[in-house]
Amino acid sequence: MNLISVAHAQGAASSSPESTLMSTLPLVVMFVILYFVMIRPQMKKAKETKAMLESLSKGDEVVTSGGIVGRITKLGDSFVQLELAERIEVQVQRAAITMVLPKGTMKTGA
């Protein structure tokens, strides 16, 4: 009987609110670091890409995700028509455009 009362006495120690806080603090700190290192920059880049795609206009020179350089000749809601060379046009998805080049980057004629 003496062993049972000793076992109950050891199990009766309750955790204090301070120890609970200290055990969850590393998890909270890791989430904050993850937010500032990964999530926030990714959201910022997605916002910039969306703004770039919405501001496209006819005549802009762009690069697609496949590396194709072309001049926009026609804009649609989800597709864009690019002129790669004189009388050579292709249609690509608007989301495939990764970068807008400065005017005059593409050489006209050769």
Protein backbone atom coordinates (compact mmCIF):
# COMPACT_ATOMS: atom_id res chain seq x y z
CA MET A 1 0.00 0.00 0.00
CA ASN A 2 2.86 2.31 0.63
CA LEU A 3 3.96 2.05 -3.05
CA ILE A 4 0.57 3.10 -4.33
CA SER A 5 0.46 6.29 -2.27
CA VAL A 6 4.00 7.18 -3.43
CA ALA A 7 2.94 6.73 -7.07
CA HIS A 8 -0.07 9.00 -6.58
CA ALA A 9 2.10 11.64 -4.97
CA GLN A 10 4.47 11.69 -7.95
CA GLY A 11 1.64 11.94 -10.48
CA ALA A 12 -0.03 14.78 -8.63
CA ALA A 13 2.54 17.35 -9.78
CA SER A 14 0.62 19.55 -12.20
CA SER A 15 2.18 21.63 -14.94
CA SER A 16 2.19 25.34 -14.33
CA PRO A 17 1.06 27.89 -16.93
CA GLU A 18 4.66 29.07 -17.24
CA SER A 19 5.90 25.64 -18.32
CA THR A 20 3.08 25.37 -20.88
CA LEU A 21 4.03 28.75 -22.31
CA MET A 22 7.69 27.83 -22.46
CA SER A 23 6.90 24.57 -24.27
CA THR A 24 4.79 26.29 -26.95
CA LEU A 25 7.08 29.30 -27.38
CA PRO A 26 9.55 27.54 -29.75
CA LEU A 27 6.65 26.48 -31.99
CA VAL A 28 5.33 30.05 -32.17
CA VAL A 29 8.81 31.43 -32.88
CA MET A 30 9.34 28.89 -35.70
CA PHE A 31 6.01 29.86 -37.29
CA VAL A 32 6.91 33.56 -37.17
CA ILE A 33 10.30 32.86 -38.78
CA LEU A 34 8.63 30.68 -41.45
CA TYR A 35 6.16 33.47 -42.20
CA PHE A 36 8.83 36.13 -42.73
CA VAL A 37 11.26 33.87 -44.62
CA MET A 38 8.91 31.92 -46.90
CA ILE A 39 5.25 32.90 -46.89
CA ARG A 40 5.48 36.71 -46.99
CA PRO A 41 7.98 36.92 -49.91
CA GLN A 42 5.95 34.39 -51.89
CA MET A 43 2.76 36.41 -51.40
CA LYS A 44 4.59 39.60 -52.42
CA LYS A 45 5.91 38.00 -55.62
CA ALA A 46 2.46 36.64 -56.52
CA LYS A 47 0.97 40.11 -56.05
CA GLU A 48 3.63 41.67 -58.32
CA THR A 49 3.08 39.00 -60.99
CA LYS A 50 -0.68 39.56 -60.93
CA ALA A 51 -0.21 43.32 -61.30
CA MET A 52 2.21 42.78 -64.21
CA LEU A 53 -0.22 40.47 -66.03
CA GLU A 54 -3.11 42.92 -65.56
CA SER A 55 -1.08 45.84 -66.91
CA LEU A 56 -0.13 44.14 -70.20
CA SER A 57 -0.98 46.13 -73.29
CA LYS A 58 -0.70 45.80 -77.05
CA GLY A 59 2.86 46.41 -78.23
CA ASP A 60 4.57 45.24 -75.02
CA GLU A 61 7.58 43.00 -75.54
CA VAL A 62 7.44 40.00 -73.23
CA VAL A 63 9.18 36.73 -72.35
CA THR A 64 7.15 33.56 -71.75
CA SER A 65 7.95 30.82 -69.26
CA GLY A 66 9.30 28.76 -72.18
CA GLY A 67 11.79 31.51 -73.07
CA ILE A 68 9.97 32.77 -76.17
CA VAL A 69 10.35 36.50 -76.78
CA GLY A 70 7.55 38.26 -78.61
CA ARG A 71 5.52 41.43 -79.03
CA ILE A 72 1.87 41.42 -77.96
CA THR A 73 -0.47 41.94 -80.91
CA LYS A 74 -3.78 40.88 -79.37
CA LEU A 75 -5.01 40.56 -75.78
CA GLY A 76 -7.76 38.30 -74.47
CA ASP A 77 -8.97 37.41 -71.01
CA SER A 78 -6.81 34.31 -70.68
CA PHE A 79 -4.81 34.24 -73.93
CA VAL A 80 -2.35 36.62 -75.58
CA GLN A 81 -1.24 36.63 -79.21
CA LEU A 82 2.50 37.22 -79.67
CA GLU A 83 4.33 38.21 -82.81
CA LEU A 84 7.68 36.39 -82.78
CA ALA A 85 8.87 37.70 -86.14
CA GLU A 86 7.22 39.38 -89.09
CA ARG A 87 4.00 37.47 -89.93
CA ILE A 88 4.76 34.73 -87.35
CA GLU A 89 2.29 34.79 -84.48
CA VAL A 90 1.55 32.36 -81.68
CA GLN A 91 -1.10 32.30 -79.03
CA VAL A 92 -0.04 31.68 -75.40
CA GLN A 93 -1.76 31.73 -72.06
CA ARG A 94 -1.53 35.03 -70.24
CA ALA A 95 -0.19 33.21 -67.16
CA ALA A 96 2.78 31.95 -69.22
CA ILE A 97 4.19 35.48 -69.46
CA THR A 98 6.95 35.90 -66.90
CA MET A 99 8.54 39.24 -67.74
CA VAL A 100 7.91 42.46 -69.64
CA LEU A 101 10.97 43.67 -71.54
CA PRO A 102 11.91 47.32 -72.11
CA LYS A 103 10.61 48.78 -75.38
CA GLY A 104 12.93 48.21 -78.32
CA THR A 105 14.50 45.04 -76.94
CA MET A 106 13.30 42.98 -79.91
CA LYS A 107 15.09 43.75 -83.15
CA THR A 108 12.76 44.67 -86.02
CA GLY A 109 13.87 43.51 -89.43
CA ALA A 110 17.26 41.87 -89.90
